[in-house]
Amino acid sequence: MAQQDTYRCRDGRWLAVTLTAPDPGIEAWCTTRDSRAAVTELLAKGIAAAPCNDGADLLRDPALAGVTLVRSGGLVKGLPYRLDGKGAVIERVAPDLGQHTAEVLRELLGYNEADLKGLDAAGVTATTPVVGNV
């Protein structure tokens, strides 16, 4: 049975490690090493290991520079992989809940204002999430 978990290293960074068999000493072993050294040693032994990176770490990664993550006034996490050799870029914010509902119902389904008001009154359409029993 494989053992998969994350372990904190001496430098405060976390590692994701997959072992082919349980090793009760791996946690203590990680605490005595910096994360970079631990990953290097584990990979050299054929053990799957990788640092647990946050968005700031990914922004600093030269292999991902400019192709997968965008900084626009603050950290925006993108997609850390390439599609057809190109990085994905976030070009605009996601729409708010219900932001385009009326537009879609009007243009695609031919609803009029009375129809839209009826749907809203019945709780069918909304711009705020419903919490609790529906």
N, C-alpha and C. Protein backbone atom coordinates (compact mmCIF):
# COMPACT_ATOMS: atom_id res chain seq x y z
N MET A 1 0.83 -1.17 0.00
CA MET A 1 0.00 0.00 0.00
C MET A 1 0.88 1.24 0.00
N ALA A 2 0.60 2.18 -0.90
CA ALA A 2 1.40 3.40 -1.01
C ALA A 2 1.05 4.38 0.12
N GLN A 3 2.02 5.23 0.43
CA GLN A 3 1.83 6.27 1.43
C GLN A 3 1.99 7.61 0.72
N GLN A 4 0.93 8.42 0.71
CA GLN A 4 0.98 9.74 0.10
C GLN A 4 0.61 10.77 1.15
N ASP A 5 1.45 11.79 1.28
CA ASP A 5 1.14 12.83 2.26
C ASP A 5 2.05 14.02 2.00
N THR A 6 1.84 15.08 2.79
CA THR A 6 2.72 16.25 2.74
C THR A 6 3.48 16.34 4.05
N TYR A 7 4.70 16.82 3.95
CA TYR A 7 5.58 16.89 5.12
C TYR A 7 6.27 18.24 5.16
N ARG A 8 6.35 18.81 6.35
CA ARG A 8 7.00 20.12 6.53
C ARG A 8 8.50 19.92 6.70
N CYS A 9 9.26 20.75 6.01
CA CYS A 9 10.72 20.68 6.08
C CYS A 9 11.28 21.74 7.02
N ARG A 10 12.58 21.67 7.25
CA ARG A 10 13.27 22.57 8.18
C ARG A 10 13.07 24.03 7.80
N ASP A 11 12.98 24.34 6.50
CA ASP A 11 12.83 25.72 6.05
C ASP A 11 11.37 26.21 6.09
N GLY A 12 10.47 25.37 6.62
CA GLY A 12 9.07 25.76 6.72
C GLY A 12 8.25 25.45 5.48
N ARG A 13 8.88 24.99 4.42
CA ARG A 13 8.17 24.64 3.18
C ARG A 13 7.64 23.23 3.28
N TRP A 14 6.60 22.93 2.50
CA TRP A 14 5.98 21.61 2.50
C TRP A 14 6.34 20.84 1.25
N LEU A 15 6.43 19.51 1.39
CA LEU A 15 6.67 18.61 0.26
C LEU A 15 5.51 17.64 0.13
N ALA A 16 5.19 17.29 -1.09
CA ALA A 16 4.25 16.20 -1.35
C ALA A 16 5.11 14.99 -1.70
N VAL A 17 4.87 13.87 -1.02
CA VAL A 17 5.71 12.67 -1.20
C VAL A 17 4.80 11.47 -1.37
N THR A 18 5.17 10.60 -2.31
CA THR A 18 4.48 9.32 -2.50
C THR A 18 5.50 8.21 -2.34
N LEU A 19 5.26 7.36 -1.37
CA LEU A 19 6.14 6.20 -1.11
C LEU A 19 5.42 4.93 -1.53
N THR A 20 6.18 3.95 -1.99
CA THR A 20 5.56 2.67 -2.39
C THR A 20 5.14 1.84 -1.20
N ALA A 21 5.76 2.12 -0.05
CA ALA A 21 5.42 1.41 1.19
C ALA A 21 5.48 2.41 2.34
N PRO A 22 4.67 2.22 3.36
CA PRO A 22 4.68 3.15 4.49
C PRO A 22 6.06 3.27 5.12
N ASP A 23 6.41 4.50 5.50
CA ASP A 23 7.68 4.77 6.17
C ASP A 23 7.39 5.70 7.34
N PRO A 24 7.34 5.17 8.56
CA PRO A 24 7.00 6.00 9.72
C PRO A 24 8.05 7.07 10.02
N GLY A 25 9.23 6.99 9.42
CA GLY A 25 10.28 7.96 9.70
C GLY A 25 10.36 9.11 8.73
N ILE A 26 9.54 9.12 7.70
CA ILE A 26 9.65 10.15 6.66
C ILE A 26 9.38 11.56 7.20
N GLU A 27 8.42 11.68 8.10
CA GLU A 27 8.11 13.01 8.65
C GLU A 27 9.31 13.59 9.39
N ALA A 28 9.91 12.80 10.26
CA ALA A 28 11.08 13.26 11.02
C ALA A 28 12.25 13.53 10.07
N TRP A 29 12.41 12.71 9.05
CA TRP A 29 13.48 12.89 8.07
C TRP A 29 13.34 14.24 7.37
N CYS A 30 12.13 14.60 6.98
CA CYS A 30 11.89 15.88 6.29
C CYS A 30 12.22 17.07 7.19
N THR A 31 11.94 16.96 8.48
CA THR A 31 12.19 18.09 9.38
C THR A 31 13.66 18.42 9.55
N THR A 32 14.55 17.51 9.12
CA THR A 32 15.99 17.75 9.25
C THR A 32 16.62 18.29 7.97
N ARG A 33 15.81 18.53 6.95
CA ARG A 33 16.33 18.98 5.66
C ARG A 33 15.54 20.18 5.14
N ASP A 34 16.21 21.02 4.36
CA ASP A 34 15.51 22.07 3.63
C ASP A 34 14.74 21.41 2.50
N SER A 35 13.64 22.04 2.08
CA SER A 35 12.75 21.42 1.10
C SER A 35 13.44 21.09 -0.22
N ARG A 36 14.27 21.99 -0.70
CA ARG A 36 14.95 21.75 -1.99
C ARG A 36 15.86 20.53 -1.91
N ALA A 37 16.61 20.43 -0.82
CA ALA A 37 17.51 19.28 -0.63
C ALA A 37 16.71 17.99 -0.47
N ALA A 38 15.61 18.06 0.26
CA ALA A 38 14.79 16.86 0.47
C ALA A 38 14.23 16.35 -0.84
N VAL A 39 13.72 17.25 -1.68
CA VAL A 39 13.18 16.83 -2.98
C VAL A 39 14.29 16.19 -3.81
N THR A 40 15.45 16.83 -3.85
CA THR A 40 16.58 16.30 -4.63
C THR A 40 16.95 14.89 -4.16
N GLU A 41 17.07 14.70 -2.85
CA GLU A 41 17.45 13.40 -2.30
C GLU A 41 16.38 12.34 -2.58
N LEU A 42 15.12 12.69 -2.38
CA LEU A 42 14.05 11.72 -2.60
C LEU A 42 13.97 11.31 -4.07
N LEU A 43 14.06 12.28 -4.97
CA LEU A 43 14.00 11.96 -6.41
C LEU A 43 15.19 11.07 -6.81
N ALA A 44 16.36 11.34 -6.25
CA ALA A 44 17.55 10.53 -6.55
C ALA A 44 17.36 9.08 -6.11
N LYS A 45 16.53 8.86 -5.09
CA LYS A 45 16.24 7.51 -4.61
C LYS A 45 15.05 6.87 -5.34
N GLY A 46 14.50 7.60 -6.33
CA GLY A 46 13.36 7.07 -7.08
C GLY A 46 12.02 7.26 -6.38
N ILE A 47 11.96 8.17 -5.41
CA ILE A 47 10.73 8.43 -4.67
C ILE A 47 10.08 9.69 -5.23
N ALA A 48 8.80 9.60 -5.55
CA ALA A 48 8.07 10.75 -6.08
C ALA A 48 7.95 11.82 -5.01
N ALA A 49 8.44 13.03 -5.32
CA ALA A 49 8.40 14.13 -4.38
C ALA A 49 8.37 15.44 -5.15
N ALA A 50 7.68 16.42 -4.59
CA ALA A 50 7.62 17.74 -5.22
C ALA A 50 7.31 18.78 -4.15
N PRO A 51 7.79 20.00 -4.36
CA PRO A 51 7.44 21.05 -3.41
C PRO A 51 5.97 21.43 -3.56
N CYS A 52 5.35 21.85 -2.48
CA CYS A 52 3.98 22.36 -2.51
C CYS A 52 4.09 23.86 -2.72
N ASN A 53 3.81 24.33 -3.92
CA ASN A 53 3.98 25.73 -4.28
C ASN A 53 2.68 26.50 -4.18
N ASP A 54 2.79 27.76 -3.80
CA ASP A 54 1.63 28.64 -3.84
C ASP A 54 1.76 29.52 -5.08
N GLY A 55 0.82 30.41 -5.28
CA GLY A 55 0.82 31.26 -6.46
C GLY A 55 2.07 32.11 -6.59
N ALA A 56 2.56 32.64 -5.47
CA ALA A 56 3.78 33.46 -5.51
C ALA A 56 4.97 32.63 -5.97
N ASP A 57 5.04 31.37 -5.52
CA ASP A 57 6.12 30.49 -5.96
C ASP A 57 6.05 30.27 -7.47
N LEU A 58 4.85 30.08 -7.97
CA LEU A 58 4.68 29.84 -9.40
C LEU A 58 5.07 31.08 -10.21
N LEU A 59 4.76 32.27 -9.69
CA LEU A 59 5.16 33.49 -10.39
C LEU A 59 6.68 33.61 -10.49
N ARG A 60 7.39 33.10 -9.49
CA ARG A 60 8.86 33.18 -9.49
C ARG A 60 9.51 32.07 -10.32
N ASP A 61 8.73 31.08 -10.75
CA ASP A 61 9.29 29.95 -11.49
C ASP A 61 9.62 30.39 -12.92
N PRO A 62 10.92 30.42 -13.29
CA PRO A 62 11.28 30.88 -14.63
C PRO A 62 10.70 30.02 -15.75
N ALA A 63 10.42 28.76 -15.47
CA ALA A 63 9.85 27.90 -16.51
C ALA A 63 8.41 28.29 -16.85
N LEU A 64 7.76 28.99 -15.94
CA LEU A 64 6.37 29.40 -16.16
C LEU A 64 6.23 30.88 -16.47
N ALA A 65 7.32 31.61 -16.45
CA ALA A 65 7.29 33.06 -16.60
C ALA A 65 6.57 33.51 -17.85
N GLY A 66 5.57 34.34 -17.65
CA GLY A 66 4.88 34.99 -18.75
C GLY A 66 3.92 34.14 -19.54
N VAL A 67 3.76 32.88 -19.21
CA VAL A 67 2.89 32.05 -20.04
C VAL A 67 1.70 31.46 -19.30
N THR A 68 1.76 31.41 -18.00
CA THR A 68 0.65 30.74 -17.31
C THR A 68 0.05 31.53 -16.17
N LEU A 69 0.75 32.49 -15.67
CA LEU A 69 0.24 33.25 -14.54
C LEU A 69 0.32 34.73 -14.85
N VAL A 70 -0.63 35.48 -14.35
CA VAL A 70 -0.71 36.90 -14.64
C VAL A 70 -0.74 37.67 -13.34
N ARG A 71 -0.05 38.75 -13.27
CA ARG A 71 -0.14 39.65 -12.12
C ARG A 71 -0.75 40.94 -12.66
N SER A 72 -1.91 41.29 -12.15
CA SER A 72 -2.65 42.46 -12.62
C SER A 72 -3.16 43.20 -11.39
N GLY A 73 -2.32 44.00 -10.78
CA GLY A 73 -2.70 44.70 -9.57
C GLY A 73 -2.61 43.82 -8.35
N GLY A 74 -2.53 42.53 -8.52
CA GLY A 74 -2.44 41.56 -7.45
C GLY A 74 -2.22 40.20 -8.08
N LEU A 75 -2.05 39.22 -7.26
CA LEU A 75 -1.80 37.88 -7.77
C LEU A 75 -3.06 37.29 -8.36
N VAL A 76 -2.98 36.83 -9.58
CA VAL A 76 -4.07 36.11 -10.23
C VAL A 76 -3.50 34.77 -10.63
N LYS A 77 -4.06 33.70 -10.13
CA LYS A 77 -3.56 32.38 -10.47
C LYS A 77 -4.15 31.95 -11.80
N GLY A 78 -3.32 31.50 -12.67
CA GLY A 78 -3.75 31.01 -13.96
C GLY A 78 -3.70 29.50 -13.99
N LEU A 79 -3.47 28.97 -15.14
CA LEU A 79 -3.41 27.53 -15.34
C LEU A 79 -1.95 27.13 -15.51
N PRO A 80 -1.40 26.34 -14.60
CA PRO A 80 0.02 26.01 -14.67
C PRO A 80 0.34 24.91 -15.68
N TYR A 81 -0.15 25.04 -16.88
CA TYR A 81 0.19 24.13 -17.96
C TYR A 81 -0.04 24.85 -19.28
N ARG A 82 0.41 24.25 -20.36
CA ARG A 82 0.31 24.87 -21.67
C ARG A 82 -0.69 24.11 -22.54
N LEU A 83 -1.37 24.84 -23.40
CA LEU A 83 -2.29 24.26 -24.36
C LEU A 83 -1.76 24.57 -25.75
N ASP A 84 -1.50 23.55 -26.53
CA ASP A 84 -0.89 23.73 -27.85
C ASP A 84 0.38 24.57 -27.78
N GLY A 85 1.17 24.35 -26.71
CA GLY A 85 2.43 25.05 -26.57
C GLY A 85 2.32 26.48 -26.07
N LYS A 86 1.12 26.93 -25.77
CA LYS A 86 0.92 28.31 -25.31
C LYS A 86 0.33 28.30 -23.91
N GLY A 87 0.73 29.27 -23.12
CA GLY A 87 0.20 29.41 -21.78
C GLY A 87 -1.20 30.01 -21.82
N ALA A 88 -2.00 29.67 -20.84
CA ALA A 88 -3.33 30.25 -20.73
C ALA A 88 -3.22 31.59 -20.01
N VAL A 89 -4.00 32.55 -20.46
CA VAL A 89 -3.99 33.87 -19.87
C VAL A 89 -5.40 34.23 -19.43
N ILE A 90 -5.53 34.77 -18.23
CA ILE A 90 -6.82 35.25 -17.77
C ILE A 90 -6.98 36.66 -18.29
N GLU A 91 -7.95 36.88 -19.16
CA GLU A 91 -8.12 38.18 -19.80
C GLU A 91 -9.17 39.06 -19.15
N ARG A 92 -10.09 38.46 -18.40
CA ARG A 92 -11.13 39.26 -17.73
C ARG A 92 -11.66 38.47 -16.54
N VAL A 93 -12.37 39.17 -15.68
CA VAL A 93 -12.92 38.53 -14.50
C VAL A 93 -14.11 37.65 -14.90
N ALA A 94 -14.40 36.66 -14.09
CA ALA A 94 -15.56 35.81 -14.32
C ALA A 94 -16.83 36.61 -14.07
N PRO A 95 -17.91 36.29 -14.77
CA PRO A 95 -19.16 37.03 -14.54
C PRO A 95 -19.73 36.73 -13.15
N ASP A 96 -20.46 37.70 -12.62
CA ASP A 96 -21.15 37.50 -11.36
C ASP A 96 -22.34 36.56 -11.57
N LEU A 97 -22.80 35.98 -10.48
CA LEU A 97 -23.96 35.09 -10.53
C LEU A 97 -25.15 35.84 -11.13
N GLY A 98 -25.70 35.31 -12.20
CA GLY A 98 -26.89 35.89 -12.83
C GLY A 98 -26.63 37.14 -13.65
N GLN A 99 -25.38 37.53 -13.81
CA GLN A 99 -25.06 38.78 -14.50
C GLN A 99 -25.64 38.83 -15.92
N HIS A 100 -25.64 37.73 -16.63
CA HIS A 100 -26.11 37.74 -18.02
C HIS A 100 -27.42 36.98 -18.22
N THR A 101 -28.07 36.57 -17.14
CA THR A 101 -29.27 35.75 -17.25
C THR A 101 -30.36 36.45 -18.06
N ALA A 102 -30.68 37.69 -17.72
CA ALA A 102 -31.75 38.41 -18.43
C ALA A 102 -31.40 38.57 -19.91
N GLU A 103 -30.16 38.91 -20.19
CA GLU A 103 -29.71 39.08 -21.57
C GLU A 103 -29.88 37.78 -22.36
N VAL A 104 -29.47 36.66 -21.79
CA VAL A 104 -29.59 35.37 -22.46
C VAL A 104 -31.05 34.99 -22.66
N LEU A 105 -31.86 35.17 -21.64
CA LEU A 105 -33.28 34.83 -21.75
C LEU A 105 -33.98 35.70 -22.80
N ARG A 106 -33.61 36.98 -22.88
CA ARG A 106 -34.21 37.86 -23.89
C ARG A 106 -33.76 37.47 -25.30
N GLU A 107 -32.44 37.39 -25.49
CA GLU A 107 -31.90 37.21 -26.84
C GLU A 107 -32.08 35.80 -27.39
N LEU A 108 -31.91 34.78 -26.56
CA LEU A 108 -31.98 33.42 -27.06
C LEU A 108 -33.37 32.80 -26.95
N LEU A 109 -34.13 33.20 -25.95
CA LEU A 109 -35.44 32.58 -25.73
C LEU A 109 -36.62 33.51 -25.96
N GLY A 110 -36.31 34.78 -26.25
CA GLY A 110 -37.38 35.72 -26.57
C GLY A 110 -38.22 36.16 -25.39
N TYR A 111 -37.72 36.06 -24.17
CA TYR A 111 -38.48 36.49 -23.00
C TYR A 111 -38.60 38.01 -22.99
N ASN A 112 -39.73 38.50 -22.46
CA ASN A 112 -39.92 39.94 -22.31
C ASN A 112 -39.78 40.31 -20.84
N GLU A 113 -39.93 41.61 -20.54
CA GLU A 113 -39.75 42.07 -19.16
C GLU A 113 -40.72 41.41 -18.19
N ALA A 114 -41.97 41.19 -18.61
CA ALA A 114 -42.95 40.53 -17.74
C ALA A 114 -42.52 39.10 -17.42
N ASP A 115 -41.99 38.40 -18.44
CA ASP A 115 -41.49 37.04 -18.22
C ASP A 115 -40.35 37.04 -17.20
N LEU A 116 -39.41 37.97 -17.37
CA LEU A 116 -38.25 38.06 -16.49
C LEU A 116 -38.67 38.37 -15.05
N LYS A 117 -39.63 39.30 -14.89
CA LYS A 117 -40.11 39.64 -13.55
C LYS A 117 -40.81 38.45 -12.91
N GLY A 118 -41.55 37.68 -13.70
CA GLY A 118 -42.22 36.49 -13.18
C GLY A 118 -41.23 35.44 -12.71
N LEU A 119 -40.17 35.22 -13.49
CA LEU A 119 -39.14 34.26 -13.09
C LEU A 119 -38.43 34.71 -11.81
N ASP A 120 -38.15 36.01 -11.73
CA ASP A 120 -37.50 36.55 -10.54
C ASP A 120 -38.39 36.40 -9.31
N ALA A 121 -39.66 36.73 -9.46
CA ALA A 121 -40.61 36.63 -8.35
C ALA A 121 -40.77 35.18 -7.88
N ALA A 122 -40.67 34.24 -8.80
CA ALA A 122 -40.81 32.82 -8.45
C ALA A 122 -39.51 32.23 -7.90
N GLY A 123 -38.43 33.03 -7.89
CA GLY A 123 -37.16 32.55 -7.37
C GLY A 123 -36.38 31.69 -8.36
N VAL A 124 -36.78 31.73 -9.62
CA VAL A 124 -36.10 30.93 -10.65
C VAL A 124 -34.76 31.56 -11.03
N THR A 125 -34.73 32.87 -11.13
CA THR A 125 -33.49 33.57 -11.46
C THR A 125 -33.07 34.40 -10.25
N ALA A 126 -31.79 34.60 -10.09
CA ALA A 126 -31.29 35.37 -8.95
C ALA A 126 -29.89 35.88 -9.24
N THR A 127 -29.50 36.92 -8.51
CA THR A 127 -28.14 37.44 -8.62
C THR A 127 -27.39 37.28 -7.30
N THR A 128 -28.03 36.63 -6.34
CA THR A 128 -27.37 36.30 -5.07
C THR A 128 -27.60 34.82 -4.80
N PRO A 129 -26.60 34.14 -4.27
CA PRO A 129 -26.77 32.71 -4.00
C PRO A 129 -27.79 32.45 -2.90
N VAL A 130 -28.47 31.35 -3.00
CA VAL A 130 -29.43 30.93 -2.00
C VAL A 130 -28.71 30.02 -1.01
N VAL A 131 -28.82 30.31 0.26
CA VAL A 131 -28.19 29.51 1.30
C VAL A 131 -29.28 28.80 2.08
N GLY A 132 -29.09 27.53 2.30
CA GLY A 132 -30.07 26.77 3.08
C GLY A 132 -30.92 25.90 2.19
N ASN A 133 -32.09 25.54 2.66
CA ASN A 133 -32.99 24.67 1.90
C ASN A 133 -33.60 25.41 0.73
N VAL A 134 -33.67 24.74 -0.38
CA VAL A 134 -34.25 25.35 -1.58
C VAL A 134 -35.56 24.67 -1.88
